[in-house]
PDB file of all heavy atoms in Angstrom:
ATOM      1  N   THR A   1     -14.454 -19.272  11.298  1.00  0.00           N
ATOM      2  CA  THR A   1     -14.660 -19.556   9.918  1.00  0.00           C
ATOM      3  C   THR A   1     -14.186 -20.927   9.576  1.00  0.00           C
ATOM      4  O   THR A   1     -13.291 -21.482  10.317  1.00  0.00           O
ATOM      5  CB  THR A   1     -14.045 -18.478   8.989  1.00  0.00           C
ATOM      6  OG1 THR A   1     -12.637 -18.659   9.097  1.00  0.00           O
ATOM      7  CG2 THR A   1     -14.486 -17.070   9.356  1.00  0.00           C
ATOM      8  N   ALA A   2     -14.638 -21.432   8.466  1.00  0.00           N
ATOM      9  CA  ALA A   2     -14.118 -22.722   7.978  1.00  0.00           C
ATOM     10  C   ALA A   2     -12.596 -22.664   7.764  1.00  0.00           C
ATOM     11  O   ALA A   2     -11.889 -23.687   8.079  1.00  0.00           O
ATOM     12  CB  ALA A   2     -14.762 -23.151   6.683  1.00  0.00           C
ATOM     13  N   GLU A   3     -12.077 -21.522   7.316  1.00  0.00           N
ATOM     14  CA  GLU A   3     -10.681 -21.433   7.107  1.00  0.00           C
ATOM     15  C   GLU A   3      -9.851 -21.452   8.392  1.00  0.00           C
ATOM     16  O   GLU A   3      -8.822 -21.986   8.456  1.00  0.00           O
ATOM     17  CB  GLU A   3     -10.354 -20.039   6.333  1.00  0.00           C
ATOM     18  CG  GLU A   3     -10.751 -20.094   4.876  1.00  0.00           C
ATOM     19  CD  GLU A   3     -12.300 -20.174   4.709  1.00  0.00           C
ATOM     20  OE1 GLU A   3     -12.995 -19.429   5.402  1.00  0.00           O
ATOM     21  OE2 GLU A   3     -12.750 -21.022   3.859  1.00  0.00           O
ATOM     22  N   GLU A   4     -10.374 -20.781   9.456  1.00  0.00           N
ATOM     23  CA  GLU A   4      -9.719 -20.765  10.708  1.00  0.00           C
ATOM     24  C   GLU A   4      -9.660 -22.159  11.306  1.00  0.00           C
ATOM     25  O   GLU A   4      -8.626 -22.553  11.895  1.00  0.00           O
ATOM     26  CB  GLU A   4     -10.423 -19.753  11.694  1.00  0.00           C
ATOM     27  CG  GLU A   4     -10.199 -18.313  11.322  1.00  0.00           C
ATOM     28  CD  GLU A   4     -11.105 -17.365  12.050  1.00  0.00           C
ATOM     29  OE1 GLU A   4     -12.259 -17.796  12.348  1.00  0.00           O
ATOM     30  OE2 GLU A   4     -10.663 -16.252  12.327  1.00  0.00           O
ATOM     31  N   ILE A   5     -10.769 -22.873  11.235  1.00  0.00           N
ATOM     32  CA  ILE A   5     -10.807 -24.309  11.742  1.00  0.00           C
ATOM     33  C   ILE A   5      -9.776 -25.108  10.912  1.00  0.00           C
ATOM     34  O   ILE A   5      -9.046 -25.906  11.423  1.00  0.00           O
ATOM     35  CB  ILE A   5     -12.182 -24.868  11.609  1.00  0.00           C
ATOM     36  CG1 ILE A   5     -13.155 -24.136  12.517  1.00  0.00           C
ATOM     37  CG2 ILE A   5     -12.197 -26.340  11.937  1.00  0.00           C
ATOM     38  CD1 ILE A   5     -14.556 -24.530  12.482  1.00  0.00           C
ATOM     39  N   ARG A   6      -9.847 -24.973   9.616  1.00  0.00           N
ATOM     40  CA  ARG A   6      -8.952 -25.785   8.713  1.00  0.00           C
ATOM     41  C   ARG A   6      -7.538 -25.524   9.016  1.00  0.00           C
ATOM     42  O   ARG A   6      -6.699 -26.450   8.999  1.00  0.00           O
ATOM     43  CB  ARG A   6      -9.266 -25.448   7.298  1.00  0.00           C
ATOM     44  CG  ARG A   6      -8.531 -26.317   6.226  1.00  0.00           C
ATOM     45  CD  ARG A   6      -8.917 -25.949   4.813  1.00  0.00           C
ATOM     46  NE  ARG A   6     -10.367 -26.011   4.707  1.00  0.00           N
ATOM     47  CZ  ARG A   6     -11.192 -24.965   4.347  1.00  0.00           C
ATOM     48  NH1 ARG A   6     -10.706 -23.772   4.292  1.00  0.00           N
ATOM     49  NH2 ARG A   6     -12.476 -25.120   4.222  1.00  0.00           N
ATOM     50  N   ASN A   7      -7.154 -24.248   9.203  1.00  0.00           N
ATOM     51  CA  ASN A   7      -5.711 -23.921   9.428  1.00  0.00           C
ATOM     52  C   ASN A   7      -5.158 -24.555  10.704  1.00  0.00           C
ATOM     53  O   ASN A   7      -4.024 -24.969  10.852  1.00  0.00           O
ATOM     54  CB  ASN A   7      -5.544 -22.429   9.516  1.00  0.00           C
ATOM     55  CG  ASN A   7      -5.737 -21.809   8.119  1.00  0.00           C
ATOM     56  OD1 ASN A   7      -5.603 -22.399   7.124  1.00  0.00           O
ATOM     57  ND2 ASN A   7      -6.138 -20.490   8.125  1.00  0.00           N
ATOM     58  N   ALA A   8      -6.084 -24.636  11.713  1.00  0.00           N
ATOM     59  CA  ALA A   8      -5.656 -25.330  12.955  1.00  0.00           C
ATOM     60  C   ALA A   8      -5.631 -26.832  12.792  1.00  0.00           C
ATOM     61  O   ALA A   8      -4.644 -27.514  13.229  1.00  0.00           O
ATOM     62  CB  ALA A   8      -6.595 -24.950  14.020  1.00  0.00           C
ATOM     63  N   LEU A   9      -6.595 -27.398  12.060  1.00  0.00           N
ATOM     64  CA  LEU A   9      -6.761 -28.822  11.968  1.00  0.00           C
ATOM     65  C   LEU A   9      -5.671 -29.455  11.055  1.00  0.00           C
ATOM     66  O   LEU A   9      -5.121 -30.500  11.391  1.00  0.00           O
ATOM     67  CB  LEU A   9      -8.107 -29.169  11.374  1.00  0.00           C
ATOM     68  CG  LEU A   9      -8.502 -30.644  11.252  1.00  0.00           C
ATOM     69  CD1 LEU A   9      -8.440 -31.323  12.535  1.00  0.00           C
ATOM     70  CD2 LEU A   9      -9.792 -30.843  10.552  1.00  0.00           C
ATOM     71  N   PHE A  10      -5.315 -28.773   9.954  1.00  0.00           N
ATOM     72  CA  PHE A  10      -4.343 -29.321   9.072  1.00  0.00           C
ATOM     73  C   PHE A  10      -2.956 -28.610   9.027  1.00  0.00           C
ATOM     74  O   PHE A  10      -2.362 -28.530   7.968  1.00  0.00           O
ATOM     75  CB  PHE A  10      -5.008 -29.343   7.647  1.00  0.00           C
ATOM     76  CG  PHE A  10      -6.194 -30.192   7.480  1.00  0.00           C
ATOM     77  CD1 PHE A  10      -7.439 -29.583   7.378  1.00  0.00           C
ATOM     78  CD2 PHE A  10      -6.126 -31.520   7.595  1.00  0.00           C
ATOM     79  CE1 PHE A  10      -8.659 -30.346   7.221  1.00  0.00           C
ATOM     80  CE2 PHE A  10      -7.312 -32.305   7.501  1.00  0.00           C
ATOM     81  CZ  PHE A  10      -8.549 -31.756   7.323  1.00  0.00           C
ATOM     82  N   HIS A  11      -2.625 -28.038  10.199  1.00  0.00           N
ATOM     83  CA  HIS A  11      -1.381 -27.312  10.191  1.00  0.00           C
ATOM     84  C   HIS A  11      -0.150 -28.140   9.991  1.00  0.00           C
ATOM     85  O   HIS A  11       0.897 -27.661   9.694  1.00  0.00           O
ATOM     86  CB  HIS A  11      -1.203 -26.615  11.625  1.00  0.00           C
ATOM     87  CG  HIS A  11      -1.058 -27.632  12.727  1.00  0.00           C
ATOM     88  ND1 HIS A  11       0.186 -28.071  13.124  1.00  0.00           N
ATOM     89  CD2 HIS A  11      -1.915 -28.273  13.527  1.00  0.00           C
ATOM     90  CE1 HIS A  11       0.097 -28.944  14.123  1.00  0.00           C
ATOM     91  NE2 HIS A  11      -1.216 -29.025  14.341  1.00  0.00           N
ATOM     92  N   ASP A  12      -0.302 -29.467  10.046  1.00  0.00           N
ATOM     93  CA  ASP A  12       0.856 -30.381   9.812  1.00  0.00           C
ATOM     94  C   ASP A  12       0.899 -30.803   8.364  1.00  0.00           C
ATOM     95  O   ASP A  12       1.782 -31.503   7.973  1.00  0.00           O
ATOM     96  CB  ASP A  12       0.739 -31.657  10.677  1.00  0.00           C
ATOM     97  CG  ASP A  12      -0.542 -32.462  10.483  1.00  0.00           C
ATOM     98  OD1 ASP A  12      -1.492 -31.793  10.030  1.00  0.00           O
ATOM     99  OD2 ASP A  12      -0.558 -33.716  10.687  1.00  0.00           O
ATOM    100  N   VAL A  13      -0.028 -30.422   7.495  1.00  0.00           N
ATOM    101  CA  VAL A  13      -0.006 -30.716   6.069  1.00  0.00           C
ATOM    102  C   VAL A  13       0.779 -29.623   5.358  1.00  0.00           C
ATOM    103  O   VAL A  13       0.440 -28.524   5.402  1.00  0.00           O
ATOM    104  CB  VAL A  13      -1.394 -30.801   5.496  1.00  0.00           C
ATOM    105  CG1 VAL A  13      -1.433 -31.022   3.989  1.00  0.00           C
ATOM    106  CG2 VAL A  13      -2.271 -31.895   6.222  1.00  0.00           C
ATOM    107  N   ASP A  14       1.878 -30.058   4.688  1.00  0.00           N
ATOM    108  CA  ASP A  14       2.774 -29.097   4.095  1.00  0.00           C
ATOM    109  C   ASP A  14       2.016 -28.227   3.056  1.00  0.00           C
ATOM    110  O   ASP A  14       2.261 -27.039   2.969  1.00  0.00           O
ATOM    111  CB  ASP A  14       3.916 -29.834   3.430  1.00  0.00           C
ATOM    112  CG  ASP A  14       4.951 -30.405   4.400  1.00  0.00           C
ATOM    113  OD1 ASP A  14       4.924 -29.956   5.564  1.00  0.00           O
ATOM    114  OD2 ASP A  14       5.716 -31.337   3.991  1.00  0.00           O
ATOM    115  N   LEU A  15       1.155 -28.766   2.267  1.00  0.00           N
ATOM    116  CA  LEU A  15       0.438 -28.002   1.261  1.00  0.00           C
ATOM    117  C   LEU A  15      -0.399 -26.964   1.930  1.00  0.00           C
ATOM    118  O   LEU A  15      -0.372 -25.771   1.445  1.00  0.00           O
ATOM    119  CB  LEU A  15      -0.540 -28.891   0.481  1.00  0.00           C
ATOM    120  CG  LEU A  15      -1.432 -28.189  -0.534  1.00  0.00           C
ATOM    121  CD1 LEU A  15      -0.580 -27.374  -1.559  1.00  0.00           C
ATOM    122  CD2 LEU A  15      -2.394 -29.207  -1.222  1.00  0.00           C
ATOM    123  N   ALA A  16      -1.029 -27.249   3.037  1.00  0.00           N
ATOM    124  CA  ALA A  16      -1.854 -26.239   3.720  1.00  0.00           C
ATOM    125  C   ALA A  16      -0.997 -25.081   4.220  1.00  0.00           C
ATOM    126  O   ALA A  16      -1.312 -23.876   4.202  1.00  0.00           O
ATOM    127  CB  ALA A  16      -2.583 -26.873   4.915  1.00  0.00           C
ATOM    128  N   ARG A  17       0.233 -25.408   4.781  1.00  0.00           N
ATOM    129  CA  ARG A  17       1.129 -24.374   5.281  1.00  0.00           C
ATOM    130  C   ARG A  17       1.653 -23.509   4.228  1.00  0.00           C
ATOM    131  O   ARG A  17       1.781 -22.326   4.293  1.00  0.00           O
ATOM    132  CB  ARG A  17       2.282 -25.107   6.049  1.00  0.00           C
ATOM    133  CG  ARG A  17       1.838 -25.874   7.249  1.00  0.00           C
ATOM    134  CD  ARG A  17       2.887 -26.817   7.798  1.00  0.00           C
ATOM    135  NE  ARG A  17       4.046 -26.069   8.288  1.00  0.00           N
ATOM    136  CZ  ARG A  17       5.210 -26.687   8.483  1.00  0.00           C
ATOM    137  NH1 ARG A  17       5.393 -27.924   8.115  1.00  0.00           N
ATOM    138  NH2 ARG A  17       6.220 -25.930   8.980  1.00  0.00           N
ATOM    139  N   LEU A  18       2.009 -24.156   3.060  1.00  0.00           N
ATOM    140  CA  LEU A  18       2.510 -23.374   1.907  1.00  0.00           C
ATOM    141  C   LEU A  18       1.421 -22.442   1.304  1.00  0.00           C
ATOM    142  O   LEU A  18       1.732 -21.267   1.023  1.00  0.00           O
ATOM    143  CB  LEU A  18       3.025 -24.363   0.838  1.00  0.00           C
ATOM    144  CG  LEU A  18       4.318 -25.018   1.163  1.00  0.00           C
ATOM    145  CD1 LEU A  18       4.593 -26.228   0.154  1.00  0.00           C
ATOM    146  CD2 LEU A  18       5.526 -24.065   1.083  1.00  0.00           C
ATOM    147  N   LEU A  19       0.224 -22.859   1.187  1.00  0.00           N
ATOM    148  CA  LEU A  19      -0.838 -22.066   0.657  1.00  0.00           C
ATOM    149  C   LEU A  19      -1.154 -20.891   1.609  1.00  0.00           C
ATOM    150  O   LEU A  19      -1.392 -19.753   1.216  1.00  0.00           O
ATOM    151  CB  LEU A  19      -2.048 -22.798   0.352  1.00  0.00           C
ATOM    152  CG  LEU A  19      -1.905 -23.900  -0.744  1.00  0.00           C
ATOM    153  CD1 LEU A  19      -3.287 -24.655  -0.892  1.00  0.00           C
ATOM    154  CD2 LEU A  19      -1.560 -23.227  -2.045  1.00  0.00           C
ATOM    155  N   LEU A  20      -1.069 -21.145   2.873  1.00  0.00           N
ATOM    156  CA  LEU A  20      -1.308 -20.106   3.909  1.00  0.00           C
ATOM    157  C   LEU A  20      -0.305 -18.988   3.749  1.00  0.00           C
ATOM    158  O   LEU A  20      -0.616 -17.788   3.892  1.00  0.00           O
ATOM    159  CB  LEU A  20      -1.339 -20.767   5.269  1.00  0.00           C
ATOM    160  CG  LEU A  20      -1.673 -19.821   6.454  1.00  0.00           C
ATOM    161  CD1 LEU A  20      -3.134 -19.374   6.361  1.00  0.00           C
ATOM    162  CD2 LEU A  20      -1.442 -20.623   7.773  1.00  0.00           C
ATOM    163  N   MET A  21       0.921 -19.396   3.669  1.00  0.00           N
ATOM    164  CA  MET A  21       2.045 -18.383   3.469  1.00  0.00           C
ATOM    165  C   MET A  21       1.984 -17.704   2.128  1.00  0.00           C
ATOM    166  O   MET A  21       2.268 -16.484   2.040  1.00  0.00           O
ATOM    167  CB  MET A  21       3.377 -19.060   3.735  1.00  0.00           C
ATOM    168  CG  MET A  21       4.512 -18.117   4.064  1.00  0.00           C
ATOM    169  SD  MET A  21       5.950 -18.859   4.791  1.00  0.00           S
ATOM    170  CE  MET A  21       6.704 -19.543   3.321  1.00  0.00           C
ATOM    171  N   ALA A  22       1.770 -18.490   1.073  1.00  0.00           N
ATOM    172  CA  ALA A  22       1.619 -17.908  -0.281  1.00  0.00           C
ATOM    173  C   ALA A  22       0.508 -16.883  -0.350  1.00  0.00           C
ATOM    174  O   ALA A  22       0.661 -15.851  -1.028  1.00  0.00           O
ATOM    175  CB  ALA A  22       1.338 -19.022  -1.266  1.00  0.00           C
ATOM    176  N   ALA A  23      -0.536 -17.113   0.391  1.00  0.00           N
ATOM    177  CA  ALA A  23      -1.667 -16.127   0.384  1.00  0.00           C
ATOM    178  C   ALA A  23      -1.372 -14.866   1.095  1.00  0.00           C
ATOM    179  O   ALA A  23      -2.018 -13.902   1.045  1.00  0.00           O
ATOM    180  CB  ALA A  23      -2.925 -16.791   0.923  1.00  0.00           C
ATOM    181  N   GLY A  24      -0.340 -14.906   1.908  1.00  0.00           N
ATOM    182  CA  GLY A  24       0.134 -13.729   2.742  1.00  0.00           C
ATOM    183  C   GLY A  24      -0.585 -13.667   4.036  1.00  0.00           C
ATOM    184  O   GLY A  24      -0.571 -12.668   4.761  1.00  0.00           O
ATOM    185  N   ASP A  25      -1.297 -14.775   4.460  1.00  0.00           N
ATOM    186  CA  ASP A  25      -2.026 -14.779   5.712  1.00  0.00           C
ATOM    187  C   ASP A  25      -1.173 -15.373   6.875  1.00  0.00           C
ATOM    188  O   ASP A  25      -1.689 -15.656   7.934  1.00  0.00           O
ATOM    189  CB  ASP A  25      -3.277 -15.625   5.582  1.00  0.00           C
ATOM    190  CG  ASP A  25      -4.282 -14.886   4.785  1.00  0.00           C
ATOM    191  OD1 ASP A  25      -4.275 -13.597   4.711  1.00  0.00           O
ATOM    192  OD2 ASP A  25      -5.140 -15.487   4.070  1.00  0.00           O
ATOM    193  N   HIS A  26       0.082 -15.701   6.654  1.00  0.00           N
ATOM    194  CA  HIS A  26       1.000 -16.119   7.730  1.00  0.00           C
ATOM    195  C   HIS A  26       2.392 -15.563   7.413  1.00  0.00           C
ATOM    196  O   HIS A  26       2.806 -15.566   6.286  1.00  0.00           O
ATOM    197  CB  HIS A  26       1.044 -17.625   7.696  1.00  0.00           C
ATOM    198  CG  HIS A  26       1.652 -18.200   9.003  1.00  0.00           C
ATOM    199  ND1 HIS A  26       3.075 -18.312   9.129  1.00  0.00           N
ATOM    200  CD2 HIS A  26       1.144 -18.704  10.153  1.00  0.00           C
ATOM    201  CE1 HIS A  26       3.303 -18.830  10.315  1.00  0.00           C
ATOM    202  NE2 HIS A  26       2.158 -18.986  10.933  1.00  0.00           N
ATOM    203  N   PRO A  27       3.059 -15.143   8.461  1.00  0.00           N
ATOM    204  CA  PRO A  27       4.400 -14.607   8.246  1.00  0.00           C
ATOM    205  C   PRO A  27       5.324 -15.635   7.658  1.00  0.00           C
ATOM    206  O   PRO A  27       5.155 -16.813   7.771  1.00  0.00           O
ATOM    207  CB  PRO A  27       4.921 -14.248   9.707  1.00  0.00           C
ATOM    208  CG  PRO A  27       3.627 -14.137  10.478  1.00  0.00           C
ATOM    209  CD  PRO A  27       2.686 -15.120   9.822  1.00  0.00           C
ATOM    210  N   PHE A  28       6.375 -15.066   6.948  1.00  0.00           N
ATOM    211  CA  PHE A  28       7.341 -16.048   6.294  1.00  0.00           C
ATOM    212  C   PHE A  28       8.056 -16.900   7.363  1.00  0.00           C
ATOM    213  O   PHE A  28       8.411 -16.404   8.382  1.00  0.00           O
ATOM    214  CB  PHE A  28       8.418 -15.188   5.510  1.00  0.00           C
ATOM    215  CG  PHE A  28       7.879 -14.712   4.198  1.00  0.00           C
ATOM    216  CD1 PHE A  28       7.705 -13.339   3.927  1.00  0.00           C
ATOM    217  CD2 PHE A  28       7.612 -15.512   3.157  1.00  0.00           C
ATOM    218  CE1 PHE A  28       7.289 -12.835   2.756  1.00  0.00           C
ATOM    219  CE2 PHE A  28       7.099 -15.132   1.996  1.00  0.00           C
ATOM    220  CZ  PHE A  28       6.949 -13.777   1.779  1.00  0.00           C
ATOM    221  N   ASN A  29       8.140 -18.139   6.987  1.00  0.00           N
ATOM    222  CA  ASN A  29       8.785 -19.107   7.911  1.00  0.00           C
ATOM    223  C   ASN A  29       9.822 -19.898   7.067  1.00  0.00           C
ATOM    224  O   ASN A  29       9.513 -20.530   6.110  1.00  0.00           O
ATOM    225  CB  ASN A  29       7.656 -20.039   8.474  1.00  0.00           C
ATOM    226  CG  ASN A  29       8.180 -21.052   9.399  1.00  0.00           C
ATOM    227  OD1 ASN A  29       9.125 -21.769   9.159  1.00  0.00           O
ATOM    228  ND2 ASN A  29       7.548 -21.090  10.557  1.00  0.00           N
ATOM    229  N   GLN A  30      11.054 -19.803   7.543  1.00  0.00           N
ATOM    230  CA  GLN A  30      12.093 -20.439   6.804  1.00  0.00           C
ATOM    231  C   GLN A  30      11.887 -21.974   6.608  1.00  0.00           C
ATOM    232  O   GLN A  30      12.228 -22.576   5.672  1.00  0.00           O
ATOM    233  CB  GLN A  30      13.487 -20.177   7.474  1.00  0.00           C
ATOM    234  CG  GLN A  30      13.906 -18.729   7.351  1.00  0.00           C
ATOM    235  CD  GLN A  30      14.106 -18.320   5.850  1.00  0.00           C
ATOM    236  OE1 GLN A  30      14.553 -19.059   5.095  1.00  0.00           O
ATOM    237  NE2 GLN A  30      13.685 -17.054   5.582  1.00  0.00           N
ATOM    238  N   ASP A  31      11.311 -22.578   7.731  1.00  0.00           N
ATOM    239  CA  ASP A  31      11.067 -23.998   7.678  1.00  0.00           C
ATOM    240  C   ASP A  31      10.038 -24.387   6.555  1.00  0.00           C
ATOM    241  O   ASP A  31      10.224 -25.314   5.879  1.00  0.00           O
ATOM    242  CB  ASP A  31      10.535 -24.497   9.007  1.00  0.00           C
ATOM    243  CG  ASP A  31      11.586 -24.457  10.093  1.00  0.00           C
ATOM    244  OD1 ASP A  31      12.770 -24.501   9.751  1.00  0.00           O
ATOM    245  OD2 ASP A  31      11.235 -24.378  11.262  1.00  0.00           O
ATOM    246  N   VAL A  32       9.054 -23.508   6.387  1.00  0.00           N
ATOM    247  CA  VAL A  32       8.107 -23.729   5.344  1.00  0.00           C
ATOM    248  C   VAL A  32       8.702 -23.489   3.995  1.00  0.00           C
ATOM    249  O   VAL A  32       8.404 -24.225   2.991  1.00  0.00           O
ATOM    250  CB  VAL A  32       6.838 -22.833   5.593  1.00  0.00           C
ATOM    251  CG1 VAL A  32       5.859 -23.060   4.446  1.00  0.00           C
ATOM    252  CG2 VAL A  32       6.219 -23.149   6.900  1.00  0.00           C
ATOM    253  N   LEU A  33       9.490 -22.424   3.840  1.00  0.00           N
ATOM    254  CA  LEU A  33      10.142 -22.137   2.605  1.00  0.00           C
ATOM    255  C   LEU A  33      11.108 -23.326   2.136  1.00  0.00           C
ATOM    256  O   LEU A  33      11.058 -23.634   0.964  1.00  0.00           O
ATOM    257  CB  LEU A  33      11.071 -20.980   2.715  1.00  0.00           C
ATOM    258  CG  LEU A  33      10.330 -19.592   2.669  1.00  0.00           C
ATOM    259  CD1 LEU A  33      11.363 -18.406   2.933  1.00  0.00           C
ATOM    260  CD2 LEU A  33       9.647 -19.317   1.271  1.00  0.00           C
ATOM    261  N   LYS A  34      11.666 -24.027   3.119  1.00  0.00           N
ATOM    262  CA  LYS A  34      12.501 -25.164   2.774  1.00  0.00           C
ATOM    263  C   LYS A  34      11.711 -26.276   2.140  1.00  0.00           C
ATOM    264  O   LYS A  34      12.322 -27.093   1.399  1.00  0.00           O
ATOM    265  CB  LYS A  34      13.264 -25.598   3.995  1.00  0.00           C
ATOM    266  CG  LYS A  34      14.384 -24.638   4.486  1.00  0.00           C
ATOM    267  CD  LYS A  34      15.007 -25.169   5.784  1.00  0.00           C
ATOM    268  CE  LYS A  34      16.020 -24.167   6.311  1.00  0.00           C
ATOM    269  NZ  LYS A  34      16.551 -24.539   7.593  1.00  0.00           N
ATOM    270  N   ILE A  35      10.471 -26.409   2.510  1.00  0.00           N
ATOM    271  CA  ILE A  35       9.634 -27.482   2.002  1.00  0.00           C
ATOM    272  C   ILE A  35       9.617 -27.403   0.489  1.00  0.00           C
ATOM    273  O   ILE A  35       9.708 -28.474  -0.189  1.00  0.00           O
ATOM    274  CB  ILE A  35       8.206 -27.337   2.519  1.00  0.00           C
ATOM    275  CG1 ILE A  35       8.206 -27.639   4.009  1.00  0.00           C
ATOM    276  CG2 ILE A  35       7.269 -28.454   1.837  1.00  0.00           C
ATOM    277  CD1 ILE A  35       6.874 -27.348   4.711  1.00  0.00           C
ATOM    278  N   SER A  36       9.457 -26.238  -0.103  1.00  0.00           N
ATOM    279  CA  SER A  36       9.275 -26.053  -1.535  1.00  0.00           C
ATOM    280  C   SER A  36      10.550 -25.735  -2.233  1.00  0.00           C
ATOM    281  O   SER A  36      10.754 -25.831  -3.401  1.00  0.00           O
ATOM    282  CB  SER A  36       8.308 -24.924  -1.855  1.00  0.00           C
ATOM    283  OG  SER A  36       8.814 -23.699  -1.299  1.00  0.00           O
ATOM    284  N   ASP A  37      11.601 -25.267  -1.433  1.00  0.00           N
ATOM    285  CA  ASP A  37      12.891 -24.872  -2.000  1.00  0.00           C
ATOM    286  C   ASP A  37      12.661 -23.757  -2.981  1.00  0.00           C
ATOM    287  O   ASP A  37      13.365 -23.818  -4.026  1.00  0.00           O
ATOM    288  CB  ASP A  37      13.610 -26.054  -2.570  1.00  0.00           C
ATOM    289  CG  ASP A  37      15.101 -25.764  -2.873  1.00  0.00           C
ATOM    290  OD1 ASP A  37      15.656 -24.951  -2.137  1.00  0.00           O
ATOM    291  OD2 ASP A  37      15.636 -26.390  -3.794  1.00  0.00           O
ATOM    292  N   LEU A  38      11.776 -22.831  -2.768  1.00  0.00           N
ATOM    293  CA  LEU A  38      11.508 -21.677  -3.628  1.00  0.00           C
ATOM    294  C   LEU A  38      11.929 -20.404  -2.952  1.00  0.00           C
ATOM    295  O   LEU A  38      11.977 -20.319  -1.694  1.00  0.00           O
ATOM    296  CB  LEU A  38      10.029 -21.657  -4.033  1.00  0.00           C
ATOM    297  CG  LEU A  38       9.595 -22.759  -5.043  1.00  0.00           C
ATOM    298  CD1 LEU A  38       8.120 -22.657  -5.239  1.00  0.00           C
ATOM    299  CD2 LEU A  38      10.307 -22.611  -6.406  1.00  0.00           C
ATOM    300  N   GLU A  39      12.174 -19.408  -3.747  1.00  0.00           N
ATOM    301  CA  GLU A  39      12.500 -18.066  -3.170  1.00  0.00           C
ATOM    302  C   GLU A  39      11.211 -17.426  -2.597  1.00  0.00           C
ATOM    303  O   GLU A  39      10.087 -17.741  -3.014  1.00  0.00           O
ATOM    304  CB  GLU A  39      13.023 -17.182  -4.268  1.00  0.00           C
ATOM    305  CG  GLU A  39      14.371 -17.638  -4.886  1.00  0.00           C
ATOM    306  CD  GLU A  39      15.457 -17.661  -3.888  1.00  0.00           C
ATOM    307  OE1 GLU A  39      15.428 -16.776  -2.959  1.00  0.00           O
ATOM    308  OE2 GLU A  39      16.369 -18.560  -3.957  1.00  0.00           O
ATOM    309  N   ALA A  40      11.341 -16.568  -1.692  1.00  0.00           N
ATOM    310  CA  ALA A  40      10.248 -15.904  -1.049  1.00  0.00           C
ATOM    311  C   ALA A  40       9.521 -15.052  -2.048  1.00  0.00           C
ATOM    312  O   ALA A  40       8.293 -14.769  -1.834  1.00  0.00           O
ATOM    313  CB  ALA A  40      10.757 -15.027   0.109  1.00  0.00           C
ATOM    314  N   SER A  41      10.130 -14.676  -3.166  1.00  0.00           N
ATOM    315  CA  SER A  41       9.470 -13.842  -4.137  1.00  0.00           C
ATOM    316  C   SER A  41       8.228 -14.537  -4.718  1.00  0.00           C
ATOM    317  O   SER A  41       7.229 -13.861  -5.099  1.00  0.00           O
ATOM    318  CB  SER A  41      10.429 -13.490  -5.301  1.00  0.00           C
ATOM    319  OG  SER A  41      10.877 -14.628  -5.868  1.00  0.00           O
TER     320      SER A  41
END
């Protein structure tokens, strides 16, 4: 799907990684959480 291609292509873009985790489609990652400095909630 376009989403699967996009997630691989832009995996180094912080916004893409944050939205992927916020949507619940990727396990929690402490490194990604640190980008936004927000709680997992």
